[in-house]
Amino acid sequence: MSSQASFTLRNRNPDVLTCIANLSNDEVFTPPEFANRMLDTLTEAWAADNDGANIWADKTVRFLDPFTKSGVFLREITSRLTKGLADEIPDLEERVNHILTKQVYGIAITHLTSLLARRSVYCSKYANGEHSIANGFDNDAGHVWFERMEHTWKKGRCKFCGANQATYDRGGVLETHAYAFIHTDNIKTRVTELFGEYMQFDVIIGNPPYQLGSDGGTRAVPIYQHFVEQAKKLEPRFLSMVIPSRWMASGLGLTEFRQTMLSDRRMRELVDYPAANDVFPGVEVKAGICYFLWDATHDGDCDVTTIRGGEIFGPAARNLDENDVFVRDSRAMSILRKVQKRGEPSINSILARDKEFGWTSNFDGFHGTKRDGDLPLYYIRKMKRAVGYIARTAVTKSAHLIDTWKVLVPQAFNGGDSVPHQILGKPLIAPSPSVCTQSFLFFNVGSSDEAKSLQSYYTTRFFRFLVSIRKITQHATHATYTWVPMQTWDRTWTDDALYESYGVTKDEIEFINSMIRPMGEIDE
């Protein structure tokens, strides 16, 4: 057994867990290198809180990965403990057995991942099998638990995770994705049920499932926030998870979660990757991903680090709760504070709401040829802008905005994760009278000259930078423009004039230029 354990726990090249394809974008396997980065963060925090003590040399610390997939966190924890406890438990077989039976626990998310995780941790799909490096289990699962769970349906949705019954109530053949960790009213009771006794976990760490399809698959519902909330209820000493970064400024149903996270002074470290490909090659997670370290004894600012394409910015001590959404890049804060200090009204006071005239993006109740009394209707279809015509009497919502000049702005603009970025789609001036579908938001003003002035402001890097620090996805909603201050519409606005007006320094200008590219020519 000793030779087996030695072989299992020593470094190998290549690492088999770097060679496994992800099951889906919702259940992403964590690369071993990234898992170890999170464990390094934990190591440093533990030492700082415990007079330099080494967490891996403590045989009493318990670890839980409540949504294990490949088993990489449990495997790397076991490897570190095996080295760290060598002096206290010299016999390798006894040491490994102690670690696996007393310190390392996991809850798998599917039957397949339970087998994969056990092979990673025990070197056998059966914890009590002849090839297992543990000899203290009398059951197949060991401390990597999995049993099929069912959703609890209420009015067509699961009351715990929000899954759509029509999609996930599909018999006993397919996975239900009813994850044990969040499908319970009492997580402490659930843990007792899973492992036979209640135990206090010192560290909870892992990479939870991110979302479930809902509404027949037309919309994805985030669920990672439920795992974070449940883990906190177990009252660990440390909690560390890798989750999508979208929660920082948007996300379906994430407003309360965002407020809770930003106001939680136990958030000790936050490491943000605006481009998810920097962590998960080949996997698209819009708005990027992050990992955090929550420390039950911490009460203060959070150290925030931004990593993009190998460049590291930070850590910077931040009050996460400074604004209603989180400004991801600490370098943006000095510019934002200068703008906020002026106390000017927001430009969104003249910005239309979503579906201002009541028509969705796929509205087709218009015609292509103008008739007497018709209004031009602006829309986007298959990524192309076009103009149709509709009777004035057909406008039943916000009719008072028909006879205004408008600067139409696309509600969605992606363009990828690379920087510098355009941030927003090109604007379009719509004369009075006019209307549009949900494809556009619009700023309303009183004349052609005012519209041209506002359009010049919109195209500046300064304007789009202030939008960018709230715009975390391709959609630019009404709230995205909150931090853009109102101006007077009597001139052509330039970045130079705006930088001088707001006292933007040379270094801050260089930062803006590194993030925001020129918009280019605008079609009149």
Protein backbone atom coordinates (compact mmCIF):
# COMPACT_ATOMS: atom_id res chain seq x y z
CA MET A 1 0.00 0.00 0.00
CA SER A 2 2.83 2.40 0.80
CA SER A 3 4.22 2.14 -2.70
CA GLN A 4 0.73 2.71 -4.12
CA ALA A 5 0.24 5.84 -2.05
CA SER A 6 3.67 7.14 -2.94
CA PHE A 7 2.98 6.65 -6.63
CA THR A 8 -0.47 8.21 -6.38
CA LEU A 9 0.55 11.33 -4.53
CA ARG A 10 3.80 12.18 -6.26
CA ASN A 11 3.87 14.72 -9.07
CA ARG A 12 3.21 13.35 -12.54
CA ASN A 13 3.46 14.78 -16.02
CA PRO A 14 1.02 14.97 -17.64
CA ASP A 15 -1.58 15.26 -14.92
CA VAL A 16 -4.60 13.21 -15.98
CA LEU A 17 -6.98 15.88 -14.66
CA THR A 18 -5.65 18.35 -17.22
CA CYS A 19 -6.71 16.00 -20.01
CA ILE A 20 -10.44 15.67 -19.27
CA ALA A 21 -12.95 17.61 -21.38
CA ASN A 22 -15.60 19.62 -19.56
CA LEU A 23 -19.06 18.10 -19.36
CA SER A 24 -20.67 21.46 -20.19
CA ASN A 25 -20.23 25.19 -19.65
CA ASP A 26 -22.40 24.79 -16.53
CA GLU A 27 -20.24 22.14 -14.87
CA VAL A 28 -16.66 23.13 -15.56
CA PHE A 29 -13.72 21.04 -14.33
CA THR A 30 -11.20 23.10 -12.38
CA PRO A 31 -7.63 22.95 -13.75
CA PRO A 32 -5.21 21.60 -11.10
CA GLU A 33 -3.02 24.70 -11.37
CA PHE A 34 -5.98 26.95 -10.60
CA ALA A 35 -7.14 24.77 -7.70
CA ASN A 36 -3.66 25.09 -6.23
CA ARG A 37 -3.76 28.85 -6.66
CA MET A 38 -6.87 28.92 -4.49
CA LEU A 39 -5.22 26.61 -1.96
CA ASP A 40 -2.17 28.90 -1.86
CA THR A 41 -4.47 31.82 -0.99
CA LEU A 42 -5.96 29.74 1.80
CA THR A 43 -2.50 28.75 3.05
CA GLU A 44 -1.40 32.37 3.36
CA ALA A 45 -4.58 33.45 5.13
CA TRP A 46 -4.41 30.57 7.62
CA ALA A 47 -0.80 31.39 8.45
CA ALA A 48 -1.61 35.09 8.88
CA ASP A 49 -4.43 34.27 11.30
CA ASN A 50 -2.55 31.57 13.23
CA ASP A 51 0.88 33.03 14.01
CA GLY A 52 2.45 31.56 10.90
CA ALA A 53 1.08 28.03 11.38
CA ASN A 54 0.97 25.68 8.41
CA ILE A 55 -2.57 24.49 7.76
CA TRP A 56 -1.19 21.38 6.04
CA ALA A 57 0.60 20.32 9.21
CA ASP A 58 -2.60 20.27 11.28
CA LYS A 59 -4.22 16.84 11.51
CA THR A 60 -7.43 18.25 13.01
CA VAL A 61 -8.49 20.51 10.12
CA ARG A 62 -11.48 19.23 8.12
CA PHE A 63 -12.09 20.08 4.47
CA LEU A 64 -15.27 19.80 2.40
CA ASP A 65 -15.81 20.13 -1.34
CA PRO A 66 -19.63 20.09 -1.48
CA PHE A 67 -19.81 19.92 -5.29
CA THR A 68 -16.84 17.83 -6.34
CA LYS A 69 -16.50 16.90 -10.00
CA SER A 70 -13.03 15.70 -10.95
CA GLY A 71 -11.94 15.54 -7.30
CA VAL A 72 -9.07 17.92 -7.97
CA PHE A 73 -9.53 19.97 -4.79
CA LEU A 74 -9.72 16.87 -2.59
CA ARG A 75 -6.74 15.33 -4.34
CA GLU A 76 -4.56 18.42 -3.99
CA ILE A 77 -5.60 18.89 -0.36
CA THR A 78 -4.68 15.25 0.32
CA SER A 79 -1.33 15.72 -1.38
CA ARG A 80 -0.50 18.80 0.69
CA LEU A 81 -1.57 17.16 3.93
CA THR A 82 0.50 14.08 3.10
CA LYS A 83 3.60 16.26 2.95
CA GLY A 84 2.66 18.56 5.82
CA LEU A 85 1.90 15.77 8.32
CA ALA A 86 5.03 13.73 7.58
CA ASP A 87 6.69 14.69 10.87
CA GLU A 88 3.64 14.13 13.06
CA ILE A 89 2.56 10.87 11.39
CA PRO A 90 5.78 9.36 9.95
CA ASP A 91 4.19 6.16 8.61
CA LEU A 92 2.88 6.94 5.12
CA GLU A 93 0.08 4.38 5.17
CA GLU A 94 -1.18 5.55 8.55
CA ARG A 95 -0.86 9.19 7.49
CA VAL A 96 -2.81 8.79 4.24
CA ASN A 97 -5.49 6.76 5.96
CA HIS A 98 -5.90 9.40 8.66
CA ILE A 99 -6.21 12.17 6.05
CA LEU A 100 -8.80 10.34 3.94
CA THR A 101 -10.93 9.11 6.83
CA LYS A 102 -10.72 12.11 9.18
CA GLN A 103 -9.98 15.23 7.16
CA VAL A 104 -11.15 15.15 3.52
CA TYR A 105 -14.82 15.04 2.51
CA GLY A 106 -16.72 15.58 -0.72
CA ILE A 107 -20.24 15.60 -2.16
CA ALA A 108 -20.32 14.68 -5.84
CA ILE A 109 -22.78 16.38 -8.19
CA THR A 110 -23.51 13.39 -10.48
CA HIS A 111 -22.95 9.65 -10.49
CA LEU A 112 -20.23 10.04 -13.13
CA THR A 113 -18.32 12.68 -11.19
CA SER A 114 -18.58 10.62 -7.99
CA LEU A 115 -16.66 7.80 -9.71
CA LEU A 116 -14.15 10.24 -11.16
CA ALA A 117 -13.59 11.98 -7.82
CA ARG A 118 -13.09 8.68 -5.97
CA ARG A 119 -10.51 7.59 -8.50
CA SER A 120 -8.71 10.91 -8.05
CA VAL A 121 -8.74 10.71 -4.26
CA TYR A 122 -8.70 6.98 -3.43
CA CYS A 123 -7.12 5.70 -6.67
CA SER A 124 -10.16 3.45 -6.94
CA LYS A 125 -13.81 3.94 -7.84
CA TYR A 126 -14.54 2.09 -4.58
CA ALA A 127 -13.17 3.63 -1.39
CA ASN A 128 -12.96 0.17 0.19
CA GLY A 129 -11.70 -1.59 -2.95
CA GLU A 130 -8.51 -3.59 -3.17
CA HIS A 131 -6.72 -0.79 -5.02
CA SER A 132 -7.84 1.99 -2.67
CA ILE A 133 -5.07 3.83 -0.82
CA ALA A 134 -7.41 4.13 2.18
CA ASN A 135 -8.00 1.15 4.46
CA GLY A 136 -10.47 2.61 6.95
CA PHE A 137 -13.74 2.51 5.01
CA ASP A 138 -16.42 -0.14 5.14
CA ASN A 139 -18.41 1.25 2.22
CA ASP A 140 -17.86 1.96 -1.48
CA ALA A 141 -18.31 5.73 -1.30
CA GLY A 142 -15.90 6.54 1.51
CA HIS A 143 -16.20 10.26 2.16
CA VAL A 144 -17.12 11.14 -1.44
CA TRP A 145 -20.90 10.92 -1.22
CA PHE A 146 -23.43 10.70 -4.01
CA GLU A 147 -27.01 9.55 -4.25
CA ARG A 148 -29.60 10.58 -6.78
CA MET A 149 -31.78 13.43 -5.49
CA GLU A 150 -35.10 14.72 -6.78
CA HIS A 151 -36.36 18.26 -7.17
CA THR A 152 -39.19 19.52 -5.00
CA TRP A 153 -41.75 20.91 -7.42
CA LYS A 154 -43.96 23.85 -6.56
CA LYS A 155 -46.02 25.55 -9.27
CA GLY A 156 -43.84 24.15 -12.03
CA ARG A 157 -40.46 24.97 -10.49
CA CYS A 158 -38.15 23.49 -7.91
CA LYS A 159 -38.52 25.45 -4.68
CA PHE A 160 -34.80 25.09 -3.95
CA CYS A 161 -33.04 25.84 -7.25
CA GLY A 162 -35.74 27.20 -9.58
CA ALA A 163 -35.38 24.40 -12.15
CA ASN A 164 -38.20 24.16 -14.67
CA GLN A 165 -40.34 21.07 -14.04
CA ALA A 166 -41.04 20.55 -17.73
CA THR A 167 -37.29 20.33 -18.37
CA TYR A 168 -35.98 18.42 -15.36
CA ASP A 169 -38.83 16.14 -14.30
CA ARG A 170 -37.68 13.45 -16.71
CA GLY A 171 -37.81 10.06 -15.06
CA GLY A 172 -35.10 7.86 -13.64
CA VAL A 173 -32.76 7.56 -16.63
CA LEU A 174 -31.23 11.03 -16.93
CA GLU A 175 -29.48 13.05 -14.25
CA THR A 176 -31.84 15.32 -12.33
CA HIS A 177 -29.18 17.89 -11.40
CA ALA A 178 -30.93 18.19 -8.05
CA TYR A 179 -27.79 18.85 -6.04
CA ALA A 180 -27.88 17.51 -2.50
CA PHE A 181 -26.08 20.48 -0.97
CA ILE A 182 -28.77 23.00 -1.89
CA HIS A 183 -31.90 20.83 -1.95
CA THR A 184 -32.60 20.99 1.74
CA ASP A 185 -34.11 23.36 4.27
CA ASN A 186 -31.43 22.55 6.85
CA ILE A 187 -27.91 22.04 5.58
CA LYS A 188 -26.52 20.97 8.97
CA THR A 189 -29.07 18.17 9.14
CA ARG A 190 -28.25 17.23 5.56
CA VAL A 191 -24.53 16.92 6.33
CA THR A 192 -25.33 14.69 9.29
CA GLU A 193 -27.45 12.50 6.99
CA LEU A 194 -24.67 12.25 4.40
CA PHE A 195 -21.73 11.45 6.65
CA GLY A 196 -23.44 9.72 9.59
CA GLU A 197 -22.67 12.42 12.13
CA TYR A 198 -22.58 16.18 12.34
CA MET A 199 -19.12 17.59 11.90
CA GLN A 200 -17.67 21.07 11.81
CA PHE A 201 -15.76 21.82 8.61
CA ASP A 202 -12.91 24.28 8.93
CA VAL A 203 -12.59 24.84 5.19
CA ILE A 204 -15.22 24.60 2.45
CA ILE A 205 -13.76 24.96 -1.03
CA GLY A 206 -14.67 24.15 -4.61
CA ASN A 207 -16.23 25.09 -7.94
CA PRO A 208 -20.05 24.81 -7.89
CA PRO A 209 -22.39 24.32 -10.87
CA TYR A 210 -23.13 27.71 -12.34
CA GLN A 211 -26.62 27.55 -13.83
CA LEU A 212 -29.58 25.47 -14.95
CA GLY A 213 -31.65 25.86 -18.08
CA SER A 214 -35.15 27.15 -17.43
CA ASP A 215 -38.25 28.22 -19.32
CA GLY A 216 -37.89 25.28 -21.68
CA GLY A 217 -34.21 25.98 -22.22
CA THR A 218 -34.64 29.57 -23.47
CA ARG A 219 -33.08 31.13 -20.38
CA ALA A 220 -30.38 30.06 -17.94
CA VAL A 221 -31.03 30.50 -14.23
CA PRO A 222 -27.93 31.02 -12.03
CA ILE A 223 -27.68 28.66 -9.08
CA TYR A 224 -24.12 29.17 -7.81
CA GLN A 225 -25.35 31.74 -5.29
CA HIS A 226 -27.33 29.02 -3.49
CA PHE A 227 -24.14 27.04 -2.88
CA VAL A 228 -22.41 30.08 -1.41
CA GLU A 229 -25.35 30.79 0.88
CA GLN A 230 -25.58 27.17 2.05
CA ALA A 231 -21.85 26.96 2.73
CA LYS A 232 -22.01 30.02 4.98
CA LYS A 233 -24.77 28.34 7.01
CA LEU A 234 -22.30 25.55 7.89
CA GLU A 235 -20.19 28.20 9.64
CA PRO A 236 -16.75 27.18 8.34
CA ARG A 237 -13.62 29.05 9.32
CA PHE A 238 -12.79 29.65 5.65
CA LEU A 239 -14.88 29.47 2.49
CA SER A 240 -13.42 29.69 -1.00
CA MET A 241 -15.28 29.23 -4.29
CA VAL A 242 -14.76 29.97 -7.96
CA ILE A 243 -17.93 31.44 -9.45
CA PRO A 244 -18.96 33.60 -12.44
CA SER A 245 -18.21 37.30 -11.96
CA ARG A 246 -21.60 38.41 -13.29
CA TRP A 247 -22.95 38.72 -9.74
CA MET A 248 -20.84 41.86 -9.26
CA ALA A 249 -23.10 44.05 -11.41
CA SER A 250 -25.98 42.06 -12.91
CA GLY A 251 -27.45 38.58 -13.25
CA LEU A 252 -30.94 37.15 -13.19
CA GLY A 253 -32.23 37.11 -9.61
CA LEU A 254 -28.85 38.04 -8.13
CA THR A 255 -29.64 41.48 -6.68
CA GLU A 256 -30.04 40.27 -3.09
CA PHE A 257 -27.01 37.98 -3.39
CA ARG A 258 -24.90 40.86 -4.71
CA GLN A 259 -25.95 43.13 -1.86
CA THR A 260 -25.15 40.41 0.67
CA MET A 261 -21.73 39.69 -0.81
CA LEU A 262 -20.71 43.33 -1.11
CA SER A 263 -21.78 44.16 2.43
CA ASP A 264 -20.14 41.07 3.98
CA ARG A 265 -17.02 42.33 5.77
CA ARG A 266 -15.81 38.74 6.09
CA MET A 267 -14.82 38.78 2.41
CA ARG A 268 -11.05 38.71 2.75
CA GLU A 269 -9.79 38.28 -0.81
CA LEU A 270 -11.37 38.54 -4.25
CA VAL A 271 -9.45 37.57 -7.37
CA ASP A 272 -11.20 38.50 -10.62
CA TYR A 273 -10.56 37.26 -14.16
CA PRO A 274 -12.55 39.41 -16.66
CA ALA A 275 -11.74 36.88 -19.40
CA ALA A 276 -12.76 33.38 -18.28
CA ASN A 277 -10.49 31.88 -20.93
CA ASP A 278 -7.54 32.88 -18.74
CA VAL A 279 -8.67 30.18 -16.30
CA PHE A 280 -10.84 27.78 -18.32
CA PRO A 281 -9.39 27.56 -21.85
CA GLY A 282 -12.07 26.99 -24.44
CA VAL A 283 -14.95 27.66 -22.03
CA GLU A 284 -17.14 30.74 -22.41
CA VAL A 285 -18.40 32.22 -19.18
CA LYS A 286 -19.69 35.66 -20.08
CA ALA A 287 -18.35 38.44 -17.83
CA GLY A 288 -15.52 36.23 -16.62
CA ILE A 289 -15.00 34.35 -13.37
CA CYS A 290 -13.61 35.05 -9.94
CA TYR A 291 -12.70 33.28 -6.76
CA PHE A 292 -13.03 34.60 -3.26
CA LEU A 293 -11.79 33.76 0.21
CA TRP A 294 -14.30 34.36 2.99
CA ASP A 295 -12.85 34.38 6.51
CA ALA A 296 -15.21 34.05 9.46
CA THR A 297 -12.87 36.10 11.66
CA HIS A 298 -12.18 38.89 9.17
CA ASP A 299 -13.87 42.26 9.58
CA GLY A 300 -12.48 44.81 7.18
CA ASP A 301 -11.75 45.74 3.60
CA CYS A 302 -11.22 43.08 0.96
CA ASP A 303 -7.99 42.63 -1.00
CA VAL A 304 -9.02 42.76 -4.67
CA THR A 305 -6.83 41.55 -7.52
CA THR A 306 -7.64 41.74 -11.24
CA ILE A 307 -5.87 39.36 -13.62
CA ARG A 308 -6.19 39.69 -17.39
CA GLY A 309 -3.98 37.96 -19.93
CA GLY A 310 -1.21 37.36 -17.41
CA GLU A 311 -1.16 40.96 -16.15
CA ILE A 312 -1.85 41.28 -12.43
CA PHE A 313 -3.29 44.44 -10.91
CA GLY A 314 -3.48 44.52 -7.13
CA PRO A 315 -4.12 43.47 -4.52
CA ALA A 316 -5.83 46.69 -3.51
CA ALA A 317 -7.73 47.01 -0.23
CA ARG A 318 -11.34 47.82 -1.16
CA ASN A 319 -14.61 48.48 0.59
CA LEU A 320 -16.78 46.24 -1.57
CA ASP A 321 -19.91 48.06 -0.46
CA GLU A 322 -18.85 51.50 -1.70
CA ASN A 323 -21.41 51.44 -4.53
CA ASP A 324 -24.53 49.51 -5.46
CA VAL A 325 -22.50 47.42 -7.91
CA PHE A 326 -18.86 46.42 -7.70
CA VAL A 327 -16.27 48.24 -9.79
CA ARG A 328 -14.07 45.35 -10.82
CA ASP A 329 -10.84 47.18 -11.66
CA SER A 330 -9.48 49.16 -8.72
CA ARG A 331 -7.74 51.58 -11.09
CA ALA A 332 -11.12 52.92 -12.19
CA MET A 333 -12.10 54.13 -8.74
CA SER A 334 -10.11 57.39 -8.72
CA ILE A 335 -11.82 58.49 -11.96
CA LEU A 336 -15.29 57.49 -10.77
CA ARG A 337 -14.85 59.35 -7.48
CA LYS A 338 -13.95 62.54 -9.33
CA VAL A 339 -17.16 62.29 -11.32
CA GLN A 340 -19.31 61.42 -8.32
CA LYS A 341 -17.84 64.29 -6.29
CA ARG A 342 -19.44 66.79 -8.70
CA GLY A 343 -22.93 65.54 -7.79
CA GLU A 344 -24.29 66.06 -11.31
CA PRO A 345 -27.54 64.49 -12.52
CA SER A 346 -27.20 61.21 -14.38
CA ILE A 347 -27.71 61.09 -18.12
CA ASN A 348 -30.12 58.22 -17.62
CA SER A 349 -32.69 60.85 -16.63
CA ILE A 350 -33.20 61.39 -20.40
CA LEU A 351 -32.67 57.73 -21.32
CA ALA A 352 -35.63 55.57 -22.29
CA ARG A 353 -36.48 52.42 -20.41
CA ASP A 354 -36.44 48.92 -21.84
CA LYS A 355 -39.28 48.47 -24.35
CA GLU A 356 -40.18 52.15 -24.00
CA PHE A 357 -42.81 51.88 -26.73
CA GLY A 358 -43.88 48.40 -25.64
CA TRP A 359 -42.45 46.44 -28.57
CA THR A 360 -39.98 43.57 -28.15
CA SER A 361 -37.00 43.08 -30.46
CA ASN A 362 -38.90 40.54 -32.57
CA PHE A 363 -41.93 42.79 -33.07
CA ASP A 364 -43.10 42.63 -36.68
CA GLY A 365 -46.34 44.56 -36.64
CA PHE A 366 -45.08 47.19 -39.05
CA HIS A 367 -44.78 47.54 -42.82
CA GLY A 368 -41.97 48.36 -45.22
CA THR A 369 -43.62 51.10 -47.24
CA LYS A 370 -44.51 54.47 -45.73
CA ARG A 371 -48.17 55.50 -45.73
CA ASP A 372 -49.70 58.86 -44.92
CA GLY A 373 -49.31 59.66 -41.24
CA ASP A 374 -46.89 56.79 -40.57
CA LEU A 375 -43.97 57.02 -38.18
CA PRO A 376 -40.52 55.60 -38.94
CA LEU A 377 -39.84 52.60 -36.67
CA TYR A 378 -36.19 51.68 -36.06
CA TYR A 379 -35.27 48.08 -35.31
CA ILE A 380 -32.45 45.54 -35.49
CA ARG A 381 -33.00 42.15 -37.07
CA LYS A 382 -30.29 39.53 -37.61
CA MET A 383 -27.72 42.09 -36.40
CA LYS A 384 -28.70 44.57 -39.14
CA ARG A 385 -30.35 47.92 -38.54
CA ALA A 386 -33.42 48.80 -40.54
CA VAL A 387 -36.39 51.14 -40.67
CA GLY A 388 -40.05 50.19 -41.03
CA TYR A 389 -43.24 52.19 -40.72
CA ILE A 390 -46.19 52.14 -38.36
CA ALA A 391 -49.30 54.23 -37.78
CA ARG A 392 -49.13 56.80 -34.98
CA THR A 393 -52.35 55.36 -33.57
CA ALA A 394 -50.57 52.01 -33.05
CA VAL A 395 -48.33 53.57 -30.39
CA THR A 396 -50.10 52.88 -27.11
CA LYS A 397 -47.17 53.36 -24.73
CA SER A 398 -44.98 56.45 -24.17
CA ALA A 399 -46.69 58.36 -26.97
CA HIS A 400 -45.34 61.62 -25.47
CA LEU A 401 -41.85 60.62 -26.67
CA ILE A 402 -42.80 60.25 -30.32
CA ASP A 403 -42.14 63.89 -31.15
CA THR A 404 -38.62 64.11 -29.70
CA TRP A 405 -35.26 63.88 -31.38
CA LYS A 406 -33.56 60.67 -30.35
CA VAL A 407 -30.07 59.28 -30.15
CA LEU A 408 -30.71 55.57 -30.59
CA VAL A 409 -28.19 53.22 -28.96
CA PRO A 410 -28.15 49.42 -29.36
CA GLN A 411 -29.14 47.68 -26.17
CA ALA A 412 -26.65 44.87 -26.80
CA PHE A 413 -23.02 44.96 -27.88
CA ASN A 414 -20.53 42.19 -27.24
CA GLY A 415 -17.28 42.25 -29.19
CA GLY A 416 -15.44 39.76 -26.96
CA ASP A 417 -13.40 40.03 -23.77
CA SER A 418 -10.25 41.59 -25.19
CA VAL A 419 -9.21 45.17 -24.44
CA PRO A 420 -9.24 47.92 -25.53
CA HIS A 421 -12.97 47.46 -26.15
CA GLN A 422 -15.64 49.55 -27.85
CA ILE A 423 -18.12 48.80 -24.99
CA LEU A 424 -21.19 50.18 -26.80
CA GLY A 425 -22.63 49.93 -30.29
CA LYS A 426 -22.59 52.95 -32.57
CA PRO A 427 -25.38 55.50 -32.05
CA LEU A 428 -27.94 56.59 -34.59
CA ILE A 429 -29.87 59.88 -34.68
CA ALA A 430 -33.59 59.44 -35.26
CA PRO A 431 -35.44 62.66 -36.12
CA SER A 432 -38.77 63.69 -34.68
CA PRO A 433 -41.24 61.98 -34.97
CA SER A 434 -39.94 58.40 -34.60
CA VAL A 435 -40.24 55.19 -32.56
CA CYS A 436 -38.19 52.03 -32.06
CA THR A 437 -38.35 48.47 -30.80
CA GLN A 438 -36.59 46.98 -27.77
CA SER A 439 -33.47 46.59 -29.93
CA PHE A 440 -32.65 50.19 -29.04
CA LEU A 441 -32.60 52.39 -25.99
CA PHE A 442 -32.62 56.09 -26.76
CA PHE A 443 -31.75 59.47 -25.31
CA ASN A 444 -34.43 62.07 -26.06
CA VAL A 445 -33.66 65.73 -26.70
CA GLY A 446 -35.42 68.68 -28.32
CA SER A 447 -33.57 69.38 -31.55
CA SER A 448 -31.22 68.11 -34.22
CA ASP A 449 -28.30 70.16 -32.83
CA GLU A 450 -28.83 68.76 -29.33
CA ALA A 451 -28.94 65.24 -30.72
CA LYS A 452 -25.63 65.79 -32.53
CA SER A 453 -24.07 67.18 -29.36
CA LEU A 454 -25.26 64.21 -27.28
CA GLN A 455 -24.03 61.81 -29.95
CA SER A 456 -20.56 63.35 -29.77
CA TYR A 457 -20.58 62.85 -26.00
CA TYR A 458 -21.66 59.22 -26.35
CA THR A 459 -18.76 58.44 -28.68
CA THR A 460 -16.05 59.74 -26.32
CA ARG A 461 -13.89 57.31 -24.47
CA PHE A 462 -14.78 59.11 -21.22
CA PHE A 463 -18.52 58.38 -21.66
CA ARG A 464 -17.99 54.74 -22.60
CA PHE A 465 -15.47 54.21 -19.80
CA LEU A 466 -18.05 55.28 -17.22
CA VAL A 467 -20.50 52.85 -18.81
CA SER A 468 -17.93 50.06 -18.88
CA ILE A 469 -17.45 49.97 -15.12
CA ARG A 470 -21.14 49.05 -14.71
CA LYS A 471 -21.58 47.03 -17.92
CA ILE A 472 -20.51 43.47 -17.14
CA THR A 473 -22.38 41.65 -19.94
CA GLN A 474 -23.28 42.42 -23.54
CA HIS A 475 -26.49 44.16 -22.46
CA ALA A 476 -26.42 47.87 -21.62
CA THR A 477 -29.52 48.45 -19.52
CA HIS A 478 -30.89 51.75 -18.24
CA ALA A 479 -28.95 51.31 -14.98
CA THR A 480 -25.69 50.81 -16.90
CA TYR A 481 -25.58 54.55 -17.66
CA THR A 482 -26.08 55.63 -14.02
CA TRP A 483 -22.57 57.02 -13.55
CA VAL A 484 -22.49 59.05 -16.78
CA PRO A 485 -23.13 62.71 -15.84
CA MET A 486 -25.47 64.98 -17.77
CA GLN A 487 -23.92 67.71 -19.93
CA THR A 488 -25.24 70.70 -21.85
CA TRP A 489 -26.08 69.95 -25.47
CA ASP A 490 -24.65 73.09 -27.05
CA ARG A 491 -21.28 71.91 -28.34
CA THR A 492 -19.31 69.04 -29.81
CA TRP A 493 -17.87 67.08 -26.91
CA THR A 494 -14.30 65.76 -26.95
CA ASP A 495 -12.28 63.64 -24.56
CA ASP A 496 -9.76 66.44 -24.06
CA ALA A 497 -12.46 68.83 -22.88
CA LEU A 498 -13.99 66.22 -20.56
CA TYR A 499 -10.64 65.18 -19.09
CA GLU A 500 -9.84 68.81 -18.32
CA SER A 501 -13.28 69.44 -16.82
CA TYR A 502 -13.11 66.45 -14.47
CA GLY A 503 -9.41 66.69 -13.63
CA VAL A 504 -8.46 63.36 -15.16
CA THR A 505 -4.69 62.87 -14.84
CA LYS A 506 -2.28 61.69 -17.50
CA ASP A 507 -1.97 58.26 -15.88
CA GLU A 508 -5.76 57.97 -15.68
CA ILE A 509 -6.06 58.93 -19.35
CA GLU A 510 -3.56 56.23 -20.26
CA PHE A 511 -5.62 53.73 -18.28
CA ILE A 512 -8.83 54.75 -20.04
CA ASN A 513 -7.10 54.48 -23.42
CA SER A 514 -5.85 51.00 -22.53
CA MET A 515 -9.41 49.87 -21.82
CA ILE A 516 -11.54 51.80 -24.35
CA ARG A 517 -10.84 52.04 -28.06
CA PRO A 518 -12.02 54.84 -30.37
CA MET A 519 -15.49 54.31 -31.81
CA GLY A 520 -14.61 55.43 -35.31
CA GLU A 521 -16.79 57.10 -37.88
CA ILE A 522 -20.50 57.46 -37.12
CA ASP A 523 -23.04 57.18 -39.92
CA GLU A 524 -25.27 60.25 -40.08
